Amino acid sequence: MKETERIFLDFSARKLELLTGRIESCLDRLSGEQIWARGTENENAVGNLTLHLAGNVRQWIVSGVGGLPDVRERDAEFAARGGASAAELKERLRGTVEEAVAVIGGLSTERLTERLTIQKYEESVLEAIYHVVEHFSMHTGQIQFATKMLTGADLGFYAHLKTAAHGEKTP
């Protein structure tokens, strides 16, 4: 495999794992009520976003790229109003991401340009992976924002970038 392709695949897998850890950290900080809290019916709760990410990753990477059956029920991800605990949400998301990371890690250079149809979109395997990582990142940001709003806490994910005590500037 060419170095560029391997860098892309490895980074994509690492990014999904990193973001999964951040979502797990947010879920750990929230009560069951907070996980399913919505400001209005037009908003998604942290629980819905977590279900949605697990569904999206499974559909696009595990099924679309990896070839396993597509069993996603997208509407149910948004319709849920509870029923899954933080532990259950974390287990579902972590398990799906681990499957996706295995699929990504096993890809050959030749597969990256292969065309697929997922959710009626025709994309290359490379584009599908890029889509999933971007989509996962966006919703992780929403989950982090909601967690900050619900708890008032600094999540500490960027503590290493705070200005040092001796006047050093952040990178």
N, C-alpha and C. Protein backbone atom coordinates (compact mmCIF):
# COMPACT_ATOMS: atom_id res chain seq x y z
N MET A 1 0.84 -1.18 0.00
CA MET A 1 0.00 0.00 0.00
C MET A 1 0.89 1.24 0.00
N LYS A 2 0.46 2.22 -0.73
CA LYS A 2 1.20 3.47 -0.78
C LYS A 2 1.10 4.18 0.57
N GLU A 3 2.14 4.94 0.88
CA GLU A 3 2.20 5.62 2.17
C GLU A 3 1.02 6.58 2.37
N THR A 4 0.63 7.32 1.33
CA THR A 4 -0.46 8.29 1.46
C THR A 4 -1.77 7.60 1.85
N GLU A 5 -2.07 6.50 1.19
CA GLU A 5 -3.29 5.78 1.49
C GLU A 5 -3.27 5.24 2.92
N ARG A 6 -2.13 4.70 3.33
CA ARG A 6 -2.03 4.14 4.68
C ARG A 6 -2.19 5.24 5.73
N ILE A 7 -1.60 6.42 5.47
CA ILE A 7 -1.76 7.55 6.39
C ILE A 7 -3.24 7.92 6.52
N PHE A 8 -3.94 8.00 5.39
CA PHE A 8 -5.38 8.34 5.40
C PHE A 8 -6.17 7.31 6.20
N LEU A 9 -5.94 6.04 5.93
CA LEU A 9 -6.70 4.99 6.61
C LEU A 9 -6.39 4.94 8.10
N ASP A 10 -5.12 5.02 8.45
CA ASP A 10 -4.73 4.98 9.86
C ASP A 10 -5.29 6.19 10.62
N PHE A 11 -5.19 7.37 10.01
CA PHE A 11 -5.72 8.58 10.65
C PHE A 11 -7.22 8.47 10.84
N SER A 12 -7.93 7.98 9.83
CA SER A 12 -9.38 7.84 9.92
C SER A 12 -9.77 6.92 11.06
N ALA A 13 -9.09 5.79 11.18
CA ALA A 13 -9.38 4.85 12.27
C ALA A 13 -9.08 5.48 13.62
N ARG A 14 -7.92 6.13 13.74
CA ARG A 14 -7.55 6.77 15.02
C ARG A 14 -8.54 7.88 15.39
N LYS A 15 -8.99 8.64 14.41
CA LYS A 15 -9.92 9.73 14.68
C LYS A 15 -11.25 9.18 15.19
N LEU A 16 -11.75 8.10 14.59
CA LEU A 16 -12.99 7.50 15.07
C LEU A 16 -12.83 6.99 16.50
N GLU A 17 -11.70 6.39 16.80
CA GLU A 17 -11.45 5.89 18.16
C GLU A 17 -11.34 7.04 19.16
N LEU A 18 -10.63 8.11 18.80
CA LEU A 18 -10.48 9.27 19.67
C LEU A 18 -11.84 9.90 19.97
N LEU A 19 -12.62 10.11 18.93
CA LEU A 19 -13.92 10.75 19.11
C LEU A 19 -14.88 9.86 19.90
N THR A 20 -14.78 8.57 19.71
CA THR A 20 -15.59 7.64 20.50
C THR A 20 -15.27 7.81 21.99
N GLY A 21 -14.00 7.92 22.30
CA GLY A 21 -13.59 8.14 23.69
C GLY A 21 -14.16 9.43 24.25
N ARG A 22 -14.22 10.46 23.44
CA ARG A 22 -14.77 11.74 23.91
C ARG A 22 -16.27 11.62 24.16
N ILE A 23 -16.97 10.90 23.28
CA ILE A 23 -18.40 10.69 23.50
C ILE A 23 -18.62 9.86 24.77
N GLU A 24 -17.81 8.84 24.97
CA GLU A 24 -17.92 8.04 26.19
C GLU A 24 -17.70 8.89 27.43
N SER A 25 -16.75 9.79 27.37
CA SER A 25 -16.49 10.70 28.49
C SER A 25 -17.70 11.58 28.76
N CYS A 26 -18.32 12.07 27.70
CA CYS A 26 -19.53 12.89 27.87
C CYS A 26 -20.65 12.06 28.49
N LEU A 27 -20.87 10.86 27.99
CA LEU A 27 -21.93 10.01 28.54
C LEU A 27 -21.69 9.72 30.02
N ASP A 28 -20.44 9.56 30.40
CA ASP A 28 -20.10 9.30 31.80
C ASP A 28 -20.44 10.48 32.70
N ARG A 29 -20.49 11.68 32.16
CA ARG A 29 -20.74 12.89 32.95
C ARG A 29 -22.24 13.20 33.08
N LEU A 30 -23.06 12.52 32.28
CA LEU A 30 -24.48 12.85 32.22
C LEU A 30 -25.33 11.83 32.96
N SER A 31 -26.41 12.31 33.56
CA SER A 31 -27.40 11.41 34.16
C SER A 31 -28.24 10.81 33.04
N GLY A 32 -29.00 9.79 33.35
CA GLY A 32 -29.90 9.20 32.36
C GLY A 32 -30.88 10.23 31.81
N GLU A 33 -31.36 11.08 32.68
CA GLU A 33 -32.29 12.13 32.25
C GLU A 33 -31.60 13.11 31.30
N GLN A 34 -30.38 13.49 31.60
CA GLN A 34 -29.64 14.42 30.74
C GLN A 34 -29.32 13.80 29.38
N ILE A 35 -29.02 12.52 29.36
CA ILE A 35 -28.70 11.84 28.09
C ILE A 35 -29.86 11.93 27.12
N TRP A 36 -31.08 11.91 27.64
CA TRP A 36 -32.26 11.92 26.78
C TRP A 36 -32.99 13.27 26.77
N ALA A 37 -32.36 14.31 27.33
CA ALA A 37 -32.99 15.64 27.40
C ALA A 37 -33.00 16.30 26.02
N ARG A 38 -34.11 16.94 25.72
CA ARG A 38 -34.26 17.73 24.50
C ARG A 38 -34.83 19.09 24.88
N GLY A 39 -34.31 20.12 24.28
CA GLY A 39 -34.88 21.44 24.52
C GLY A 39 -36.23 21.58 23.84
N THR A 40 -36.33 21.08 22.61
CA THR A 40 -37.56 21.08 21.83
C THR A 40 -37.62 19.78 21.03
N GLU A 41 -38.74 19.54 20.41
CA GLU A 41 -38.88 18.33 19.58
C GLU A 41 -38.00 18.39 18.34
N ASN A 42 -37.51 19.56 17.97
CA ASN A 42 -36.63 19.69 16.81
C ASN A 42 -35.17 19.44 17.14
N GLU A 43 -34.87 19.18 18.40
CA GLU A 43 -33.50 18.92 18.83
C GLU A 43 -33.32 17.44 19.07
N ASN A 44 -32.07 17.00 18.98
CA ASN A 44 -31.74 15.62 19.30
C ASN A 44 -31.04 15.56 20.63
N ALA A 45 -31.40 14.57 21.41
CA ALA A 45 -30.72 14.33 22.68
C ALA A 45 -29.37 13.68 22.41
N VAL A 46 -28.49 13.73 23.38
CA VAL A 46 -27.19 13.07 23.29
C VAL A 46 -27.40 11.58 22.99
N GLY A 47 -28.40 10.98 23.60
CA GLY A 47 -28.69 9.57 23.33
C GLY A 47 -29.03 9.31 21.87
N ASN A 48 -29.86 10.20 21.28
CA ASN A 48 -30.21 10.05 19.87
C ASN A 48 -28.98 10.19 18.98
N LEU A 49 -28.13 11.16 19.29
CA LEU A 49 -26.93 11.36 18.47
C LEU A 49 -25.99 10.17 18.56
N THR A 50 -25.91 9.57 19.74
CA THR A 50 -25.05 8.39 19.91
C THR A 50 -25.60 7.22 19.10
N LEU A 51 -26.91 6.98 19.18
CA LEU A 51 -27.53 5.93 18.37
C LEU A 51 -27.32 6.21 16.88
N HIS A 52 -27.48 7.46 16.51
CA HIS A 52 -27.33 7.87 15.11
C HIS A 52 -25.91 7.61 14.60
N LEU A 53 -24.92 7.93 15.40
CA LEU A 53 -23.54 7.69 14.98
C LEU A 53 -23.26 6.20 14.83
N ALA A 54 -23.74 5.40 15.76
CA ALA A 54 -23.54 3.95 15.64
C ALA A 54 -24.22 3.44 14.38
N GLY A 55 -25.41 3.92 14.09
CA GLY A 55 -26.12 3.50 12.88
C GLY A 55 -25.42 3.93 11.62
N ASN A 56 -24.96 5.16 11.60
CA ASN A 56 -24.27 5.69 10.41
C ASN A 56 -22.98 4.95 10.13
N VAL A 57 -22.17 4.73 11.15
CA VAL A 57 -20.89 4.03 10.97
C VAL A 57 -21.15 2.60 10.50
N ARG A 58 -22.15 1.94 11.09
CA ARG A 58 -22.46 0.58 10.68
C ARG A 58 -22.91 0.54 9.22
N GLN A 59 -23.80 1.46 8.86
CA GLN A 59 -24.33 1.45 7.50
C GLN A 59 -23.25 1.77 6.46
N TRP A 60 -22.46 2.79 6.72
CA TRP A 60 -21.51 3.24 5.72
C TRP A 60 -20.23 2.41 5.68
N ILE A 61 -19.68 2.08 6.83
CA ILE A 61 -18.38 1.38 6.85
C ILE A 61 -18.55 -0.13 7.00
N VAL A 62 -19.22 -0.57 8.06
CA VAL A 62 -19.32 -2.01 8.32
C VAL A 62 -20.12 -2.69 7.22
N SER A 63 -21.23 -2.09 6.81
CA SER A 63 -22.06 -2.69 5.76
C SER A 63 -21.62 -2.25 4.37
N GLY A 64 -21.60 -0.94 4.14
CA GLY A 64 -21.30 -0.43 2.80
C GLY A 64 -19.93 -0.81 2.30
N VAL A 65 -18.91 -0.56 3.10
CA VAL A 65 -17.53 -0.87 2.70
C VAL A 65 -17.18 -2.31 3.04
N GLY A 66 -17.61 -2.77 4.22
CA GLY A 66 -17.24 -4.10 4.70
C GLY A 66 -18.07 -5.24 4.16
N GLY A 67 -19.24 -4.93 3.61
CA GLY A 67 -20.04 -5.95 2.96
C GLY A 67 -21.01 -6.71 3.85
N LEU A 68 -21.10 -6.37 5.13
CA LEU A 68 -22.07 -7.04 5.99
C LEU A 68 -23.47 -6.50 5.70
N PRO A 69 -24.52 -7.24 6.05
CA PRO A 69 -25.89 -6.78 5.78
C PRO A 69 -26.18 -5.44 6.44
N ASP A 70 -26.97 -4.63 5.76
CA ASP A 70 -27.38 -3.33 6.28
C ASP A 70 -28.68 -3.53 7.05
N VAL A 71 -28.61 -3.40 8.36
CA VAL A 71 -29.78 -3.61 9.22
C VAL A 71 -30.19 -2.32 9.92
N ARG A 72 -29.74 -1.21 9.41
CA ARG A 72 -29.99 0.07 10.07
C ARG A 72 -31.47 0.45 10.03
N GLU A 73 -31.95 1.00 11.15
CA GLU A 73 -33.28 1.59 11.25
C GLU A 73 -33.10 3.05 11.64
N ARG A 74 -32.78 3.87 10.66
CA ARG A 74 -32.39 5.26 10.89
C ARG A 74 -33.45 6.05 11.64
N ASP A 75 -34.70 5.90 11.26
CA ASP A 75 -35.77 6.67 11.93
C ASP A 75 -35.84 6.37 13.43
N ALA A 76 -35.56 5.12 13.81
CA ALA A 76 -35.61 4.72 15.22
C ALA A 76 -34.52 5.43 16.02
N GLU A 77 -33.41 5.76 15.38
CA GLU A 77 -32.31 6.46 16.08
C GLU A 77 -32.79 7.82 16.61
N PHE A 78 -33.63 8.48 15.83
CA PHE A 78 -34.12 9.81 16.20
C PHE A 78 -35.42 9.76 16.98
N ALA A 79 -36.18 8.68 16.83
CA ALA A 79 -37.47 8.55 17.52
C ALA A 79 -37.30 8.16 18.99
N ALA A 80 -36.18 7.56 19.35
CA ALA A 80 -35.97 7.10 20.73
C ALA A 80 -36.09 8.26 21.71
N ARG A 81 -36.74 7.98 22.82
CA ARG A 81 -36.90 8.99 23.88
C ARG A 81 -36.36 8.45 25.20
N GLY A 82 -35.48 7.48 25.11
CA GLY A 82 -34.92 6.84 26.29
C GLY A 82 -34.76 5.35 26.01
N GLY A 83 -34.59 4.61 27.10
CA GLY A 83 -34.52 3.17 26.96
C GLY A 83 -33.12 2.60 26.96
N ALA A 84 -32.15 3.38 26.61
CA ALA A 84 -30.76 2.90 26.61
C ALA A 84 -29.97 3.71 27.64
N SER A 85 -29.25 3.01 28.48
CA SER A 85 -28.42 3.66 29.49
C SER A 85 -27.11 4.13 28.87
N ALA A 86 -26.35 4.89 29.64
CA ALA A 86 -25.03 5.34 29.18
C ALA A 86 -24.17 4.13 28.83
N ALA A 87 -24.19 3.11 29.69
CA ALA A 87 -23.37 1.92 29.44
C ALA A 87 -23.78 1.23 28.14
N GLU A 88 -25.08 1.12 27.90
CA GLU A 88 -25.56 0.48 26.67
C GLU A 88 -25.21 1.30 25.44
N LEU A 89 -25.34 2.61 25.52
CA LEU A 89 -24.98 3.48 24.40
C LEU A 89 -23.49 3.39 24.10
N LYS A 90 -22.68 3.41 25.15
CA LYS A 90 -21.22 3.31 24.97
C LYS A 90 -20.86 1.97 24.34
N GLU A 91 -21.47 0.90 24.80
CA GLU A 91 -21.17 -0.44 24.27
C GLU A 91 -21.55 -0.53 22.78
N ARG A 92 -22.70 0.00 22.44
CA ARG A 92 -23.14 -0.05 21.04
C ARG A 92 -22.20 0.75 20.15
N LEU A 93 -21.87 1.97 20.59
CA LEU A 93 -20.99 2.82 19.79
C LEU A 93 -19.59 2.23 19.69
N ARG A 94 -19.02 1.84 20.81
CA ARG A 94 -17.66 1.29 20.83
C ARG A 94 -17.57 0.02 19.95
N GLY A 95 -18.55 -0.86 20.07
CA GLY A 95 -18.55 -2.09 19.27
C GLY A 95 -18.60 -1.81 17.79
N THR A 96 -19.44 -0.86 17.40
CA THR A 96 -19.57 -0.51 15.99
C THR A 96 -18.28 0.12 15.48
N VAL A 97 -17.71 1.02 16.24
CA VAL A 97 -16.46 1.67 15.82
C VAL A 97 -15.34 0.64 15.72
N GLU A 98 -15.27 -0.30 16.64
CA GLU A 98 -14.24 -1.35 16.55
C GLU A 98 -14.40 -2.16 15.26
N GLU A 99 -15.64 -2.47 14.90
CA GLU A 99 -15.88 -3.19 13.64
C GLU A 99 -15.43 -2.35 12.45
N ALA A 100 -15.76 -1.07 12.48
CA ALA A 100 -15.39 -0.17 11.38
C ALA A 100 -13.88 -0.03 11.27
N VAL A 101 -13.20 0.09 12.40
CA VAL A 101 -11.74 0.21 12.41
C VAL A 101 -11.11 -1.05 11.79
N ALA A 102 -11.69 -2.20 12.08
CA ALA A 102 -11.18 -3.45 11.48
C ALA A 102 -11.38 -3.44 9.96
N VAL A 103 -12.53 -2.95 9.51
CA VAL A 103 -12.78 -2.86 8.07
C VAL A 103 -11.78 -1.90 7.42
N ILE A 104 -11.63 -0.74 8.01
CA ILE A 104 -10.71 0.28 7.47
C ILE A 104 -9.29 -0.26 7.45
N GLY A 105 -8.87 -0.92 8.51
CA GLY A 105 -7.52 -1.45 8.59
C GLY A 105 -7.23 -2.54 7.57
N GLY A 106 -8.26 -3.21 7.11
CA GLY A 106 -8.07 -4.29 6.15
C GLY A 106 -8.19 -3.90 4.70
N LEU A 107 -8.37 -2.62 4.45
CA LEU A 107 -8.56 -2.19 3.05
C LEU A 107 -7.26 -2.15 2.27
N SER A 108 -7.36 -2.48 1.00
CA SER A 108 -6.23 -2.37 0.08
C SER A 108 -6.33 -1.05 -0.67
N THR A 109 -5.23 -0.64 -1.25
CA THR A 109 -5.20 0.58 -2.06
C THR A 109 -6.24 0.52 -3.18
N GLU A 110 -6.36 -0.63 -3.78
CA GLU A 110 -7.28 -0.79 -4.91
C GLU A 110 -8.73 -0.54 -4.50
N ARG A 111 -9.09 -0.88 -3.28
CA ARG A 111 -10.48 -0.71 -2.83
C ARG A 111 -10.85 0.76 -2.64
N LEU A 112 -9.87 1.62 -2.41
CA LEU A 112 -10.20 3.03 -2.12
C LEU A 112 -10.92 3.73 -3.26
N THR A 113 -10.69 3.31 -4.48
CA THR A 113 -11.35 3.94 -5.63
C THR A 113 -12.59 3.17 -6.08
N GLU A 114 -12.89 2.05 -5.44
CA GLU A 114 -14.08 1.27 -5.77
C GLU A 114 -15.32 2.11 -5.51
N ARG A 115 -16.29 2.05 -6.41
CA ARG A 115 -17.53 2.82 -6.26
C ARG A 115 -18.58 1.98 -5.54
N LEU A 116 -19.27 2.62 -4.60
CA LEU A 116 -20.32 1.99 -3.82
C LEU A 116 -21.56 2.86 -3.85
N THR A 117 -22.71 2.26 -3.59
CA THR A 117 -23.93 3.04 -3.38
C THR A 117 -24.40 2.78 -1.96
N ILE A 118 -24.41 3.85 -1.17
CA ILE A 118 -24.83 3.79 0.23
C ILE A 118 -25.85 4.90 0.44
N GLN A 119 -27.00 4.59 0.99
CA GLN A 119 -28.08 5.56 1.17
C GLN A 119 -28.40 6.28 -0.14
N LYS A 120 -28.35 5.59 -1.22
CA LYS A 120 -28.62 6.13 -2.57
C LYS A 120 -27.56 7.10 -3.06
N TYR A 121 -26.44 7.24 -2.33
CA TYR A 121 -25.33 8.07 -2.76
C TYR A 121 -24.27 7.17 -3.38
N GLU A 122 -23.77 7.56 -4.55
CA GLU A 122 -22.67 6.81 -5.15
C GLU A 122 -21.37 7.50 -4.77
N GLU A 123 -20.51 6.76 -4.10
CA GLU A 123 -19.26 7.31 -3.57
C GLU A 123 -18.16 6.27 -3.73
N SER A 124 -16.92 6.75 -3.72
CA SER A 124 -15.80 5.82 -3.63
C SER A 124 -15.66 5.37 -2.17
N VAL A 125 -14.93 4.30 -1.95
CA VAL A 125 -14.66 3.86 -0.58
C VAL A 125 -13.95 4.97 0.18
N LEU A 126 -13.00 5.64 -0.44
CA LEU A 126 -12.29 6.74 0.21
C LEU A 126 -13.28 7.83 0.61
N GLU A 127 -14.19 8.20 -0.27
CA GLU A 127 -15.17 9.23 0.04
C GLU A 127 -16.11 8.78 1.17
N ALA A 128 -16.47 7.51 1.18
CA ALA A 128 -17.34 7.00 2.25
C ALA A 128 -16.66 7.12 3.60
N ILE A 129 -15.39 6.78 3.67
CA ILE A 129 -14.65 6.89 4.93
C ILE A 129 -14.56 8.36 5.34
N TYR A 130 -14.24 9.22 4.41
CA TYR A 130 -14.12 10.65 4.70
C TYR A 130 -15.46 11.18 5.21
N HIS A 131 -16.55 10.77 4.55
CA HIS A 131 -17.88 11.19 4.98
C HIS A 131 -18.15 10.78 6.42
N VAL A 132 -17.85 9.54 6.76
CA VAL A 132 -18.14 9.03 8.10
C VAL A 132 -17.32 9.76 9.15
N VAL A 133 -16.05 9.98 8.90
CA VAL A 133 -15.21 10.67 9.89
C VAL A 133 -15.69 12.11 10.08
N GLU A 134 -16.02 12.78 9.00
CA GLU A 134 -16.51 14.17 9.08
C GLU A 134 -17.83 14.21 9.84
N HIS A 135 -18.74 13.33 9.50
CA HIS A 135 -20.06 13.25 10.13
C HIS A 135 -19.92 12.93 11.62
N PHE A 136 -19.05 12.00 11.95
CA PHE A 136 -18.81 11.60 13.34
C PHE A 136 -18.24 12.79 14.12
N SER A 137 -17.33 13.51 13.52
CA SER A 137 -16.72 14.66 14.17
C SER A 137 -17.75 15.75 14.46
N MET A 138 -18.62 16.02 13.49
CA MET A 138 -19.63 17.06 13.66
C MET A 138 -20.55 16.72 14.83
N HIS A 139 -21.05 15.49 14.87
CA HIS A 139 -21.97 15.12 15.95
C HIS A 139 -21.26 14.99 17.29
N THR A 140 -19.98 14.63 17.28
CA THR A 140 -19.22 14.62 18.53
C THR A 140 -19.17 16.03 19.10
N GLY A 141 -18.95 17.01 18.25
CA GLY A 141 -18.96 18.41 18.69
C GLY A 141 -20.30 18.80 19.30
N GLN A 142 -21.40 18.33 18.70
CA GLN A 142 -22.71 18.62 19.25
C GLN A 142 -22.88 17.97 20.64
N ILE A 143 -22.41 16.74 20.77
CA ILE A 143 -22.50 16.03 22.04
C ILE A 143 -21.67 16.75 23.10
N GLN A 144 -20.48 17.18 22.73
CA GLN A 144 -19.63 17.93 23.67
C GLN A 144 -20.31 19.23 24.09
N PHE A 145 -20.87 19.95 23.14
CA PHE A 145 -21.54 21.22 23.45
C PHE A 145 -22.72 20.96 24.39
N ALA A 146 -23.53 19.95 24.08
CA ALA A 146 -24.68 19.63 24.92
C ALA A 146 -24.22 19.25 26.33
N THR A 147 -23.14 18.49 26.42
CA THR A 147 -22.63 18.08 27.74
C THR A 147 -22.18 19.29 28.53
N LYS A 148 -21.50 20.22 27.88
CA LYS A 148 -21.09 21.45 28.57
C LYS A 148 -22.31 22.24 29.04
N MET A 149 -23.33 22.33 28.18
CA MET A 149 -24.53 23.08 28.54
C MET A 149 -25.28 22.41 29.70
N LEU A 150 -25.32 21.10 29.70
CA LEU A 150 -26.07 20.37 30.72
C LEU A 150 -25.34 20.28 32.06
N THR A 151 -24.02 20.31 32.02
CA THR A 151 -23.23 20.12 33.25
C THR A 151 -22.50 21.36 33.72
N GLY A 152 -22.25 22.30 32.81
CA GLY A 152 -21.45 23.47 33.15
C GLY A 152 -19.98 23.14 33.31
N ALA A 153 -19.58 21.95 32.91
CA ALA A 153 -18.20 21.49 33.13
C ALA A 153 -17.30 21.76 31.93
N ASP A 154 -16.04 21.98 32.24
CA ASP A 154 -14.99 21.99 31.22
C ASP A 154 -14.63 20.52 31.00
N LEU A 155 -14.75 20.04 29.79
CA LEU A 155 -14.52 18.63 29.52
C LEU A 155 -13.05 18.25 29.55
N GLY A 156 -12.16 19.24 29.46
CA GLY A 156 -10.74 19.00 29.60
C GLY A 156 -10.04 18.37 28.41
N PHE A 157 -10.72 18.29 27.28
CA PHE A 157 -10.12 17.63 26.12
C PHE A 157 -8.94 18.41 25.54
N TYR A 158 -8.89 19.70 25.81
CA TYR A 158 -7.82 20.53 25.25
C TYR A 158 -6.98 21.20 26.33
N ALA A 159 -6.97 20.63 27.50
CA ALA A 159 -6.23 21.21 28.62
C ALA A 159 -4.75 21.38 28.29
N HIS A 160 -4.23 20.51 27.46
CA HIS A 160 -2.81 20.57 27.09
C HIS A 160 -2.48 21.80 26.24
N LEU A 161 -3.50 22.50 25.75
CA LEU A 161 -3.26 23.68 24.92
C LEU A 161 -3.39 24.99 25.69
N LYS A 162 -3.73 24.92 26.95
CA LYS A 162 -3.86 26.15 27.74
C LYS A 162 -2.50 26.80 27.90
N THR A 163 -2.50 28.12 27.97
CA THR A 163 -1.26 28.88 28.12
C THR A 163 -0.53 28.43 29.38
N ALA A 164 0.73 28.19 29.22
CA ALA A 164 1.56 27.73 30.35
C ALA A 164 1.71 28.85 31.37
N ALA A 165 2.01 28.48 32.59
CA ALA A 165 2.15 29.44 33.69
C ALA A 165 3.29 30.41 33.49
N HIS A 166 4.28 30.03 32.70
CA HIS A 166 5.48 30.87 32.53
C HIS A 166 5.43 31.73 31.26
N GLY A 167 4.22 32.00 30.79
CA GLY A 167 4.08 32.90 29.67
C GLY A 167 4.30 32.26 28.30
N GLU A 168 4.41 30.95 28.24
CA GLU A 168 4.55 30.30 26.94
C GLU A 168 3.25 30.43 26.19
N LYS A 169 3.35 30.55 24.88
CA LYS A 169 2.14 30.62 24.05
C LYS A 169 1.76 29.21 23.62
N THR A 170 0.45 29.02 23.45
CA THR A 170 -0.01 27.71 23.01
C THR A 170 0.40 27.50 21.54
N PRO A 171 0.61 26.24 21.19
CA PRO A 171 1.02 25.95 19.81
C PRO A 171 -0.05 26.29 18.81
